[in-house]
Every structure is written in structure tokens, then in C-alpha cells.
């Protein structure tokens, strides 16, 4: 649960930063000359923040899905094969829903 909270907080921070960058770049605020490239770097920074935020949101969804599997008593069972996910994998990636073998081959029998 603490990990989910960290991802949520990180995503919110990145989204706020991206919004601020967008406001800073609104037409009429500051004119950037083409030689400085400053306008482009702001756009790149904003895109990076939005991508990182999306990754954090995806991690939150994976954590929520793992919590749902716990409620349904299916946590630790591979979604692709129905076999048990090794304890070591769950310790390394608690939200894992597939064994390494199925994940590596992209196998999904859902």
C-alpha cells in the first residue's frame, strides 16, 4: 500500500509540473527565439513529465489489480497458465500476474 501511495504522489507531482510548463508556454507569455531552443526544451520537459506520470498511473493500476487478486484469493496464480507464481518472483515484483516463462514469451491464455 505504501508503494501505491508513492506512485500516486509521484504521478500527481509530475502532472502538476507538466501543467505548470504548459502554462509557462502559453502564447503571449514569453517569446522564445528559435536560436535559444528554450521553448523546445520546455515542450520536451512537459512531454517527459506526462510520460512519467502515465507510467506511475500504470503502476498504480497494477498494484490495484494485485490487491483485487488478493481479495478474490487468486493472488500468486499465473493469469496465463494457472500455475503458481514462484515466491521469489512475487517478492521481487509483488504485483506480478504471470510467471517469468509466460511473461517472457508473451503467452496469454486468457
PDB file of N, CA and C in Angstrom:
ATOM      1  N   UNK A   1       0.826  -1.194   0.000  1.00  0.00           N
ATOM      2  CA  UNK A   1       0.000   0.000   0.000  1.00  0.00           C
ATOM      3  C   UNK A   1       0.867   1.254   0.000  1.00  0.00           C
ATOM      4  N   UNK A   2       1.991   1.212   0.691  1.00  0.00           N
ATOM      5  CA  UNK A   2       2.878   2.376   0.724  1.00  0.00           C
ATOM      6  C   UNK A   2       3.421   2.652  -0.673  1.00  0.00           C
ATOM      7  N   UNK A   3       3.698   1.587  -1.422  1.00  0.00           N
ATOM      8  CA  UNK A   3       4.218   1.752  -2.779  1.00  0.00           C
ATOM      9  C   UNK A   3       3.177   2.435  -3.663  1.00  0.00           C
ATOM     10  N   UNK A   4       1.916   2.054  -3.508  1.00  0.00           N
ATOM     11  CA  UNK A   4       0.840   2.673  -4.277  1.00  0.00           C
ATOM     12  C   UNK A   4       0.758   4.159  -3.960  1.00  0.00           C
ATOM     13  N   UNK A   5       0.880   4.499  -2.684  1.00  0.00           N
ATOM     14  CA  UNK A   5       0.841   5.901  -2.270  1.00  0.00           C
ATOM     15  C   UNK A   5       1.980   6.711  -2.872  1.00  0.00           C
ATOM     16  N   UNK A   6       3.158   6.119  -2.920  1.00  0.00           N
ATOM     17  CA  UNK A   6       4.310   6.811  -3.522  1.00  0.00           C
ATOM     18  C   UNK A   6       4.082   7.059  -5.005  1.00  0.00           C
ATOM     19  N   UNK A   7       3.560   6.053  -5.719  1.00  0.00           N
ATOM     20  CA  UNK A   7       3.291   6.222  -7.147  1.00  0.00           C
ATOM     21  C   UNK A   7       2.225   7.293  -7.374  1.00  0.00           C
ATOM     22  N   UNK A   8       1.188   7.289  -6.549  1.00  0.00           N
ATOM     23  CA  UNK A   8       0.130   8.287  -6.685  1.00  0.00           C
ATOM     24  C   UNK A   8       0.686   9.684  -6.482  1.00  0.00           C
ATOM     25  N   UNK A   9       1.452   9.854  -5.434  1.00  0.00           N
ATOM     26  CA  UNK A   9       2.044  11.158  -5.134  1.00  0.00           C
ATOM     27  C   UNK A   9       2.983  11.601  -6.259  1.00  0.00           C
ATOM     28  N   UNK A  10       3.776  10.679  -6.770  1.00  0.00           N
ATOM     29  CA  UNK A  10       4.713  10.998  -7.847  1.00  0.00           C
ATOM     30  C   UNK A  10       3.954  11.401  -9.118  1.00  0.00           C
ATOM     31  N   UNK A  11       2.898  10.665  -9.451  1.00  0.00           N
ATOM     32  CA  UNK A  11       2.110  10.978 -10.643  1.00  0.00           C
ATOM     33  C   UNK A  11       1.472  12.356 -10.521  1.00  0.00           C
ATOM     34  N   UNK A  12       0.928  12.667  -9.354  1.00  0.00           N
ATOM     35  CA  UNK A  12       0.300  13.973  -9.152  1.00  0.00           C
ATOM     36  C   UNK A  12       1.323  15.097  -9.265  1.00  0.00           C
ATOM     37  N   UNK A  13       2.517  14.887  -8.721  1.00  0.00           N
ATOM     38  CA  UNK A  13       3.577  15.891  -8.818  1.00  0.00           C
ATOM     39  C   UNK A  13       3.955  16.131 -10.277  1.00  0.00           C
ATOM     40  N   UNK A  14       4.142  15.044 -11.030  1.00  0.00           N
ATOM     41  CA  UNK A  14       4.540  15.172 -12.431  1.00  0.00           C
ATOM     42  C   UNK A  14       3.459  15.853 -13.261  1.00  0.00           C
ATOM     43  N   UNK A  15       2.196  15.530 -12.997  1.00  0.00           N
ATOM     44  CA  UNK A  15       1.109  16.169 -13.729  1.00  0.00           C
ATOM     45  C   UNK A  15       1.047  17.660 -13.423  1.00  0.00           C
ATOM     46  N   UNK A  16       1.248  18.027 -12.167  1.00  0.00           N
ATOM     47  CA  UNK A  16       1.251  19.444 -11.791  1.00  0.00           C
ATOM     48  C   UNK A  16       2.411  20.173 -12.463  1.00  0.00           C
ATOM     49  N   UNK A  17       3.565  19.533 -12.506  1.00  0.00           N
ATOM     50  CA  UNK A  17       4.728  20.141 -13.156  1.00  0.00           C
ATOM     51  C   UNK A  17       4.480  20.307 -14.654  1.00  0.00           C
ATOM     52  N   UNK A  18       3.872  19.311 -15.283  1.00  0.00           N
ATOM     53  CA  UNK A  18       3.568  19.397 -16.715  1.00  0.00           C
ATOM     54  C   UNK A  18       2.565  20.513 -16.981  1.00  0.00           C
ATOM     55  N   UNK A  19       1.563  20.646 -16.117  1.00  0.00           N
ATOM     56  CA  UNK A  19       0.586  21.729 -16.259  1.00  0.00           C
ATOM     57  C   UNK A  19       1.257  23.085 -16.135  1.00  0.00           C
ATOM     58  N   UNK A  20       2.172  23.209 -15.182  1.00  0.00           N
ATOM     59  CA  UNK A  20       2.886  24.476 -14.999  1.00  0.00           C
ATOM     60  C   UNK A  20       3.726  24.797 -16.233  1.00  0.00           C
ATOM     61  N   UNK A  21       4.375  23.790 -16.791  1.00  0.00           N
ATOM     62  CA  UNK A  21       5.163  24.003 -18.009  1.00  0.00           C
ATOM     63  C   UNK A  21       4.269  24.442 -19.167  1.00  0.00           C
ATOM     64  N   UNK A  22       3.072  23.873 -19.249  1.00  0.00           N
ATOM     65  CA  UNK A  22       2.140  24.262 -20.312  1.00  0.00           C
ATOM     66  C   UNK A  22       1.701  25.708 -20.128  1.00  0.00           C
ATOM     67  N   UNK A  23       1.418  26.097 -18.888  1.00  0.00           N
ATOM     68  CA  UNK A  23       1.016  27.491 -18.622  1.00  0.00           C
ATOM     69  C   UNK A  23       2.157  28.446 -18.954  1.00  0.00           C
ATOM     70  N   UNK A  24       3.372  28.037 -18.629  1.00  0.00           N
ATOM     71  CA  UNK A  24       4.532  28.882 -18.914  1.00  0.00           C
ATOM     72  C   UNK A  24       4.729  29.075 -20.413  1.00  0.00           C
ATOM     73  N   UNK A  25       4.252  28.144 -21.193  1.00  0.00           N
ATOM     74  CA  UNK A  25       4.478  28.181 -22.640  1.00  0.00           C
ATOM     75  C   UNK A  25       3.285  28.745 -23.396  1.00  0.00           C
ATOM     76  N   UNK A  26       2.226  29.130 -22.737  1.00  0.00           N
ATOM     77  CA  UNK A  26       1.046  29.637 -23.426  1.00  0.00           C
ATOM     78  C   UNK A  26       1.411  30.833 -24.290  1.00  0.00           C
ATOM     79  N   UNK A  27       0.767  30.941 -25.458  1.00  0.00           N
ATOM     80  CA  UNK A  27       1.073  32.051 -26.362  1.00  0.00           C
ATOM     81  C   UNK A  27       0.903  33.402 -25.670  1.00  0.00           C
ATOM     82  N   UNK A  28       1.788  34.303 -25.984  1.00  0.00           N
ATOM     83  CA  UNK A  28       1.705  35.643 -25.430  1.00  0.00           C
ATOM     84  C   UNK A  28       2.494  35.830 -24.160  1.00  0.00           C
ATOM     85  N   UNK A  29       2.898  34.743 -23.513  1.00  0.00           N
ATOM     86  CA  UNK A  29       3.660  34.870 -22.274  1.00  0.00           C
ATOM     87  C   UNK A  29       5.073  35.347 -22.565  1.00  0.00           C
ATOM     88  N   UNK A  30       5.861  34.468 -23.093  1.00  0.00           N
ATOM     89  CA  UNK A  30       7.253  34.779 -23.387  1.00  0.00           C
ATOM     90  C   UNK A  30       7.540  34.291 -24.790  1.00  0.00           C
ATOM     91  N   UNK A  31       8.171  35.108 -25.559  1.00  0.00           N
ATOM     92  CA  UNK A  31       8.551  34.702 -26.906  1.00  0.00           C
ATOM     93  C   UNK A  31       9.970  34.149 -26.863  1.00  0.00           C
ATOM     94  N   UNK A  32      10.115  32.909 -27.274  1.00  0.00           N
ATOM     95  CA  UNK A  32      11.434  32.292 -27.315  1.00  0.00           C
ATOM     96  C   UNK A  32      11.978  32.429 -28.723  1.00  0.00           C
ATOM     97  N   UNK A  33      13.212  32.837 -28.828  1.00  0.00           N
ATOM     98  CA  UNK A  33      13.780  32.882 -30.169  1.00  0.00           C
ATOM     99  C   UNK A  33      14.187  31.472 -30.571  1.00  0.00           C
ATOM    100  N   UNK A  34      14.211  31.261 -31.871  1.00  0.00           N
ATOM    101  CA  UNK A  34      14.489  29.917 -32.380  1.00  0.00           C
ATOM    102  C   UNK A  34      15.896  29.453 -32.045  1.00  0.00           C
ATOM    103  N   UNK A  35      16.811  30.385 -31.899  1.00  0.00           N
ATOM    104  CA  UNK A  35      18.197  30.009 -31.633  1.00  0.00           C
ATOM    105  C   UNK A  35      18.396  29.477 -30.223  1.00  0.00           C
ATOM    106  N   UNK A  36      17.628  29.978 -29.272  1.00  0.00           N
ATOM    107  CA  UNK A  36      17.835  29.546 -27.885  1.00  0.00           C
ATOM    108  C   UNK A  36      17.363  28.121 -27.656  1.00  0.00           C
ATOM    109  N   UNK A  37      16.307  27.717 -28.360  1.00  0.00           N
ATOM    110  CA  UNK A  37      15.769  26.377 -28.181  1.00  0.00           C
ATOM    111  C   UNK A  37      15.061  26.181 -26.856  1.00  0.00           C
ATOM    112  N   UNK A  38      14.887  27.265 -26.103  1.00  0.00           N
ATOM    113  CA  UNK A  38      14.292  27.148 -24.776  1.00  0.00           C
ATOM    114  C   UNK A  38      12.845  26.667 -24.839  1.00  0.00           C
ATOM    115  N   UNK A  39      12.113  27.137 -25.833  1.00  0.00           N
ATOM    116  CA  UNK A  39      10.727  26.697 -25.985  1.00  0.00           C
ATOM    117  C   UNK A  39      10.635  25.211 -26.241  1.00  0.00           C
ATOM    118  N   UNK A  40      11.540  24.707 -27.069  1.00  0.00           N
ATOM    119  CA  UNK A  40      11.559  23.272 -27.358  1.00  0.00           C
ATOM    120  C   UNK A  40      11.901  22.461 -26.120  1.00  0.00           C
ATOM    121  N   UNK A  41      12.826  22.952 -25.308  1.00  0.00           N
ATOM    122  CA  UNK A  41      13.208  22.193 -24.117  1.00  0.00           C
ATOM    123  C   UNK A  41      12.060  22.143 -23.117  1.00  0.00           C
ATOM    124  N   UNK A  42      11.255  23.194 -23.054  1.00  0.00           N
ATOM    125  CA  UNK A  42      10.087  23.180 -22.168  1.00  0.00           C
ATOM    126  C   UNK A  42       9.085  22.143 -22.658  1.00  0.00           C
ATOM    127  N   UNK A  43       8.865  22.082 -23.965  1.00  0.00           N
ATOM    128  CA  UNK A  43       7.935  21.095 -24.519  1.00  0.00           C
ATOM    129  C   UNK A  43       8.428  19.679 -24.255  1.00  0.00           C
ATOM    130  N   UNK A  44       9.712  19.459 -24.411  1.00  0.00           N
ATOM    131  CA  UNK A  44      10.291  18.132 -24.157  1.00  0.00           C
ATOM    132  C   UNK A  44      10.143  17.769 -22.683  1.00  0.00           C
ATOM    133  N   UNK A  45      10.401  18.735 -21.814  1.00  0.00           N
ATOM    134  CA  UNK A  45      10.270  18.505 -20.371  1.00  0.00           C
ATOM    135  C   UNK A  45       8.831  18.154 -19.999  1.00  0.00           C
ATOM    136  N   UNK A  46       7.884  18.862 -20.582  1.00  0.00           N
ATOM    137  CA  UNK A  46       6.465  18.605 -20.307  1.00  0.00           C
ATOM    138  C   UNK A  46       6.086  17.204 -20.785  1.00  0.00           C
ATOM    139  N   UNK A  47       6.504  16.850 -21.993  1.00  0.00           N
ATOM    140  CA  UNK A  47       6.212  15.511 -22.512  1.00  0.00           C
ATOM    141  C   UNK A  47       6.811  14.430 -21.626  1.00  0.00           C
ATOM    142  N   UNK A  48       8.026  14.659 -21.162  1.00  0.00           N
ATOM    143  CA  UNK A  48       8.687  13.690 -20.273  1.00  0.00           C
ATOM    144  C   UNK A  48       7.886  13.529 -18.988  1.00  0.00           C
ATOM    145  N   UNK A  49       7.454  14.644 -18.399  1.00  0.00           N
ATOM    146  CA  UNK A  49       6.672  14.578 -17.166  1.00  0.00           C
ATOM    147  C   UNK A  49       5.367  13.819 -17.379  1.00  0.00           C
ATOM    148  N   UNK A  50       4.705  14.066 -18.508  1.00  0.00           N
ATOM    149  CA  UNK A  50       3.450  13.370 -18.786  1.00  0.00           C
ATOM    150  C   UNK A  50       3.677  11.876 -18.993  1.00  0.00           C
ATOM    151  N   UNK A  51       4.778  11.503 -19.641  1.00  0.00           N
ATOM    152  CA  UNK A  51       5.091  10.083 -19.827  1.00  0.00           C
ATOM    153  C   UNK A  51       5.398   9.406 -18.497  1.00  0.00           C
ATOM    154  N   UNK A  52       6.173  10.072 -17.657  1.00  0.00           N
ATOM    155  CA  UNK A  52       6.482   9.503 -16.342  1.00  0.00           C
ATOM    156  C   UNK A  52       5.225   9.382 -15.494  1.00  0.00           C
ATOM    157  N   UNK A  53       4.345  10.361 -15.595  1.00  0.00           N
ATOM    158  CA  UNK A  53       3.087  10.308 -14.860  1.00  0.00           C
ATOM    159  C   UNK A  53       2.242   9.128 -15.335  1.00  0.00           C
ATOM    160  N   UNK A  54       2.195   8.912 -16.644  1.00  0.00           N
ATOM    161  CA  UNK A  54       1.445   7.782 -17.191  1.00  0.00           C
ATOM    162  C   UNK A  54       2.023   6.457 -16.700  1.00  0.00           C
ATOM    163  N   UNK A  55       3.347   6.372 -16.613  1.00  0.00           N
ATOM    164  CA  UNK A  55       3.980   5.153 -16.097  1.00  0.00           C
ATOM    165  C   UNK A  55       3.614   4.934 -14.634  1.00  0.00           C
ATOM    166  N   UNK A  56       3.595   6.002 -13.855  1.00  0.00           N
ATOM    167  CA  UNK A  56       3.228   5.884 -12.442  1.00  0.00           C
ATOM    168  C   UNK A  56       1.774   5.447 -12.315  1.00  0.00           C
ATOM    169  N   UNK A  57       0.896   6.005 -13.150  1.00  0.00           N
ATOM    170  CA  UNK A  57      -0.524   5.614 -13.125  1.00  0.00           C
ATOM    171  C   UNK A  57      -0.687   4.141 -13.516  1.00  0.00           C
ATOM    172  N   UNK A  58       0.102   3.668 -14.477  1.00  0.00           N
ATOM    173  CA  UNK A  58       0.048   2.256 -14.874  1.00  0.00           C
ATOM    174  C   UNK A  58       0.486   1.362 -13.718  1.00  0.00           C
ATOM    175  N   UNK A  59       1.502   1.787 -12.982  1.00  0.00           N
ATOM    176  CA  UNK A  59       1.962   1.020 -11.817  1.00  0.00           C
ATOM    177  C   UNK A  59       0.868   0.959 -10.757  1.00  0.00           C
ATOM    178  N   UNK A  60       0.143   2.056 -10.576  1.00  0.00           N
ATOM    179  CA  UNK A  60      -0.968   2.080  -9.613  1.00  0.00           C
ATOM    180  C   UNK A  60      -2.031   1.070 -10.032  1.00  0.00           C
ATOM    181  N   UNK A  61      -2.340   1.013 -11.333  1.00  0.00           N
ATOM    182  CA  UNK A  61      -3.330   0.046 -11.819  1.00  0.00           C
ATOM    183  C   UNK A  61      -2.871  -1.388 -11.567  1.00  0.00           C
ATOM    184  N   UNK A  62      -1.577  -1.654 -11.755  1.00  0.00           N
ATOM    185  CA  UNK A  62      -1.053  -2.998 -11.498  1.00  0.00           C
ATOM    186  C   UNK A  62      -1.160  -3.354 -10.018  1.00  0.00           C
ATOM    187  N   UNK A  63      -0.889  -2.394  -9.156  1.00  0.00           N
ATOM    188  CA  UNK A  63      -0.998  -2.626  -7.710  1.00  0.00           C
ATOM    189  C   UNK A  63      -2.453  -2.865  -7.328  1.00  0.00           C
ATOM    190  N   UNK A  64      -3.359  -2.058  -7.879  1.00  0.00           N
ATOM    191  CA  UNK A  64      -4.786  -2.245  -7.600  1.00  0.00           C
ATOM    192  C   UNK A  64      -5.267  -3.616  -8.071  1.00  0.00           C
ATOM    193  N   UNK A  65      -4.768  -4.051  -9.237  1.00  0.00           N
ATOM    194  CA  UNK A  65      -5.143  -5.371  -9.751  1.00  0.00           C
ATOM    195  C   UNK A  65      -4.637  -6.473  -8.825  1.00  0.00           C
ATOM    196  N   UNK A  66      -3.433  -6.306  -8.291  1.00  0.00           N
ATOM    197  CA  UNK A  66      -2.887  -7.290  -7.347  1.00  0.00           C
ATOM    198  C   UNK A  66      -3.729  -7.330  -6.075  1.00  0.00           C
ATOM    199  N   UNK A  67      -4.145  -6.169  -5.592  1.00  0.00           N
ATOM    200  CA  UNK A  67      -5.000  -6.126  -4.397  1.00  0.00           C
ATOM    201  C   UNK A  67      -6.335  -6.818  -4.663  1.00  0.00           C
ATOM    202  N   UNK A  68      -6.850  -6.646  -5.861  1.00  0.00           N
ATOM    203  CA  UNK A  68      -8.105  -7.312  -6.235  1.00  0.00           C
ATOM    204  C   UNK A  68      -7.912  -8.831  -6.287  1.00  0.00           C
ATOM    205  N   UNK A  69      -6.758  -9.280  -6.798  1.00  0.00           N
ATOM    206  CA  UNK A  69      -6.473 -10.723  -6.821  1.00  0.00           C
ATOM    207  C   UNK A  69      -6.379 -11.282  -5.407  1.00  0.00           C
ATOM    208  N   UNK A  70      -5.854 -10.492  -4.486  1.00  0.00           N
ATOM    209  CA  UNK A  70      -5.797 -10.930  -3.084  1.00  0.00           C
ATOM    210  C   UNK A  70      -7.213 -11.128  -2.564  1.00  0.00           C
ATOM    211  N   UNK A  71      -8.098 -10.168  -2.840  1.00  0.00           N
ATOM    212  CA  UNK A  71      -9.495 -10.269  -2.393  1.00  0.00           C
ATOM    213  C   UNK A  71     -10.182 -11.502  -2.977  1.00  0.00           C
ATOM    214  N   UNK A  72      -9.877 -11.814  -4.237  1.00  0.00           N
ATOM    215  CA  UNK A  72     -10.508 -12.944  -4.924  1.00  0.00           C
ATOM    216  C   UNK A  72      -9.795 -14.265  -4.650  1.00  0.00           C
ATOM    217  N   UNK A  73      -8.732 -14.204  -3.847  1.00  0.00           N
ATOM    218  CA  UNK A  73      -7.941 -15.383  -3.499  1.00  0.00           C
ATOM    219  C   UNK A  73      -7.291 -16.025  -4.727  1.00  0.00           C
ATOM    220  N   UNK A  74      -6.904 -15.191  -5.697  1.00  0.00           N
ATOM    221  CA  UNK A  74      -6.197 -15.688  -6.876  1.00  0.00           C
ATOM    222  C   UNK A  74      -4.785 -15.109  -6.959  1.00  0.00           C
ATOM    223  N   UNK A  75      -4.365 -14.390  -5.926  1.00  0.00           N
ATOM    224  CA  UNK A  75      -3.021 -13.809  -5.911  1.00  0.00           C
ATOM    225  C   UNK A  75      -1.993 -14.932  -5.915  1.00  0.00           C
ATOM    226  N   UNK A  76      -0.975 -14.792  -6.755  1.00  0.00           N
ATOM    227  CA  UNK A  76       0.081 -15.801  -6.825  1.00  0.00           C
ATOM    228  C   UNK A  76      -0.183 -16.889  -7.838  1.00  0.00           C
ATOM    229  N   UNK A  77      -1.308 -16.793  -8.544  1.00  0.00           N
ATOM    230  CA  UNK A  77      -1.637 -17.763  -9.584  1.00  0.00           C
ATOM    231  C   UNK A  77      -1.458 -17.077 -10.935  1.00  0.00           C
ATOM    232  N   UNK A  78      -0.696 -17.696 -11.816  1.00  0.00           N
ATOM    233  CA  UNK A  78      -0.406 -17.122 -13.125  1.00  0.00           C
ATOM    234  C   UNK A  78      -1.693 -16.970 -13.933  1.00  0.00           C
ATOM    235  N   UNK A  79      -1.938 -15.760 -14.421  1.00  0.00           N
ATOM    236  CA  UNK A  79      -3.139 -15.480 -15.201  1.00  0.00           C
ATOM    237  C   UNK A  79      -3.126 -16.202 -16.545  1.00  0.00           C
ATOM    238  N   UNK A  80      -1.946 -16.529 -17.058  1.00  0.00           N
ATOM    239  CA  UNK A  80      -1.848 -17.182 -18.359  1.00  0.00           C
ATOM    240  C   UNK A  80      -1.971 -18.697 -18.267  1.00  0.00           C
ATOM    241  N   UNK A  81      -1.281 -19.303 -17.304  1.00  0.00           N
ATOM    242  CA  UNK A  81      -1.220 -20.769 -17.252  1.00  0.00           C
ATOM    243  C   UNK A  81      -1.987 -21.389 -16.090  1.00  0.00           C
ATOM    244  N   UNK A  82      -2.295 -20.594 -15.081  1.00  0.00           N
ATOM    245  CA  UNK A  82      -2.958 -21.135 -13.897  1.00  0.00           C
ATOM    246  C   UNK A  82      -2.002 -21.788 -12.916  1.00  0.00           C
ATOM    247  N   UNK A  83      -0.715 -21.793 -13.233  1.00  0.00           N
ATOM    248  CA  UNK A  83       0.294 -22.359 -12.334  1.00  0.00           C
ATOM    249  C   UNK A  83       0.664 -21.336 -11.265  1.00  0.00           C
ATOM    250  N   UNK A  84       1.253 -21.821 -10.180  1.00  0.00           N
ATOM    251  CA  UNK A  84       1.673 -20.908  -9.118  1.00  0.00           C
ATOM    252  C   UNK A  84       2.869 -20.069  -9.561  1.00  0.00           C
ATOM    253  N   UNK A  85       2.829 -18.795  -9.219  1.00  0.00           N
ATOM    254  CA  UNK A  85       3.955 -17.901  -9.473  1.00  0.00           C
ATOM    255  C   UNK A  85       4.950 -18.124  -8.342  1.00  0.00           C
ATOM    256  N   UNK A  86       6.225 -18.364  -8.663  1.00  0.00           N
ATOM    257  CA  UNK A  86       7.218 -18.609  -7.607  1.00  0.00           C
ATOM    258  C   UNK A  86       7.295 -17.457  -6.600  1.00  0.00           C
ATOM    259  N   UNK A  87       7.507 -17.833  -5.353  1.00  0.00           N
ATOM    260  CA  UNK A  87       7.592 -16.868  -4.253  1.00  0.00           C
ATOM    261  C   UNK A  87       8.642 -15.792  -4.533  1.00  0.00           C
ATOM    262  N   UNK A  88       9.777 -16.200  -5.105  1.00  0.00           N
ATOM    263  CA  UNK A  88      10.866 -15.251  -5.387  1.00  0.00           C
ATOM    264  C   UNK A  88      10.413 -14.159  -6.358  1.00  0.00           C
ATOM    265  N   UNK A  89       9.601 -14.539  -7.342  1.00  0.00           N
ATOM    266  CA  UNK A  89       9.095 -13.542  -8.300  1.00  0.00           C
ATOM    267  C   UNK A  89       8.145 -12.580  -7.602  1.00  0.00           C
ATOM    268  N   UNK A  90       7.286 -13.098  -6.761  1.00  0.00           N
ATOM    269  CA  UNK A  90       6.339 -12.230  -6.052  1.00  0.00           C
ATOM    270  C   UNK A  90       7.051 -11.315  -5.065  1.00  0.00           C
ATOM    271  N   UNK A  91       8.146 -11.791  -4.494  1.00  0.00           N
ATOM    272  CA  UNK A  91       8.920 -10.925  -3.599  1.00  0.00           C
ATOM    273  C   UNK A  91       9.590  -9.799  -4.384  1.00  0.00           C
ATOM    274  N   UNK A  92      10.054 -10.113  -5.597  1.00  0.00           N
ATOM    275  CA  UNK A  92      10.718  -9.104  -6.428  1.00  0.00           C
ATOM    276  C   UNK A  92       9.708  -8.146  -7.055  1.00  0.00           C
ATOM    277  N   UNK A  93       8.585  -8.687  -7.517  1.00  0.00           N
ATOM    278  CA  UNK A  93       7.545  -7.887  -8.175  1.00  0.00           C
ATOM    279  C   UNK A  93       6.199  -8.307  -7.583  1.00  0.00           C
ATOM    280  N   UNK A  94       5.806  -7.698  -6.471  1.00  0.00           N
ATOM    281  CA  UNK A  94       4.590  -8.123  -5.769  1.00  0.00           C
ATOM    282  C   UNK A  94       3.313  -8.069  -6.607  1.00  0.00           C
ATOM    283  N   UNK A  95       3.274  -7.235  -7.628  1.00  0.00           N
ATOM    284  CA  UNK A  95       2.064  -7.129  -8.444  1.00  0.00           C
ATOM    285  C   UNK A  95       2.095  -8.043  -9.672  1.00  0.00           C
ATOM    286  N   UNK A  96       3.102  -8.924  -9.771  1.00  0.00           N
ATOM    287  CA  UNK A  96       3.219  -9.822 -10.932  1.00  0.00           C
ATOM    288  C   UNK A  96       1.971 -10.692 -11.052  1.00  0.00           C
ATOM    289  N   UNK A  97       1.474 -10.810 -12.285  1.00  0.00           N
ATOM    290  CA  UNK A  97       0.310 -11.670 -12.507  1.00  0.00           C
ATOM    291  C   UNK A  97       0.641 -12.851 -13.418  1.00  0.00           C
ATOM    292  N   UNK A  98       1.925 -12.950 -13.810  1.00  0.00           N
ATOM    293  CA  UNK A  98       2.358 -14.067 -14.641  1.00  0.00           C
ATOM    294  C   UNK A  98       3.722 -14.571 -14.201  1.00  0.00           C
ATOM    295  N   UNK A  99       3.953 -15.847 -14.475  1.00  0.00           N
ATOM    296  CA  UNK A  99       5.279 -16.417 -14.237  1.00  0.00           C
ATOM    297  C   UNK A  99       6.231 -15.851 -15.283  1.00  0.00           C
ATOM    298  N   UNK A 100       7.524 -15.911 -15.005  1.00  0.00           N
ATOM    299  CA  UNK A 100       8.534 -15.374 -15.922  1.00  0.00           C
ATOM    300  C   UNK A 100       8.419 -16.033 -17.295  1.00  0.00           C
ATOM    301  N   UNK A 101       8.217 -17.339 -17.320  1.00  0.00           N
ATOM    302  CA  UNK A 101       8.161 -18.075 -18.588  1.00  0.00           C
ATOM    303  C   UNK A 101       7.064 -17.536 -19.506  1.00  0.00           C
ATOM    304  N   UNK A 102       5.881 -17.317 -18.963  1.00  0.00           N
ATOM    305  CA  UNK A 102       4.771 -16.818 -19.778  1.00  0.00           C
ATOM    306  C   UNK A 102       4.970 -15.347 -20.148  1.00  0.00           C
ATOM    307  N   UNK A 103       5.452 -14.581 -19.211  1.00  0.00           N
ATOM    308  CA  UNK A 103       5.679 -13.152 -19.460  1.00  0.00           C
ATOM    309  C   UNK A 103       6.732 -12.952 -20.545  1.00  0.00           C
ATOM    310  N   UNK A 104       7.809 -13.745 -20.496  1.00  0.00           N
ATOM    311  CA  UNK A 104       8.911 -13.605 -21.457  1.00  0.00           C
ATOM    312  C   UNK A 104       8.489 -13.973 -22.873  1.00  0.00           C
ATOM    313  N   UNK A 105       7.589 -14.926 -23.003  1.00  0.00           N
ATOM    314  CA  UNK A 105       7.160 -15.352 -24.338  1.00  0.00           C
ATOM    315  C   UNK A 105       5.921 -14.604 -24.803  1.00  0.00           C
ATOM    316  N   UNK A 106       5.364 -13.773 -23.927  1.00  0.00           N
ATOM    317  CA  UNK A 106       4.162 -13.029 -24.291  1.00  0.00           C
ATOM    318  C   UNK A 106       2.937 -13.922 -24.352  1.00  0.00           C
ATOM    319  N   UNK A 107       3.036 -15.094 -23.735  1.00  0.00           N
ATOM    320  CA  UNK A 107       1.960 -16.066 -23.749  1.00  0.00           C
ATOM    321  C   UNK A 107       0.814 -15.597 -22.856  1.00  0.00           C
ATOM    322  N   UNK A 108      -0.380 -15.653 -23.401  1.00  0.00           N
ATOM    323  CA  UNK A 108      -1.552 -15.303 -22.602  1.00  0.00           C
ATOM    324  C   UNK A 108      -2.709 -16.186 -23.033  1.00  0.00           C
ATOM    325  N   UNK A 109      -3.186 -17.000 -22.120  1.00  0.00           N
ATOM    326  CA  UNK A 109      -4.284 -17.913 -22.418  1.00  0.00           C
ATOM    327  C   UNK A 109      -5.601 -17.390 -21.887  1.00  0.00           C
ATOM    328  N   UNK A 110      -5.674 -16.136 -21.589  1.00  0.00           N
ATOM    329  CA  UNK A 110      -6.895 -15.558 -21.003  1.00  0.00           C
ATOM    330  C   UNK A 110      -8.035 -15.627 -21.969  1.00  0.00           C
TER     331      UNK A 110
END
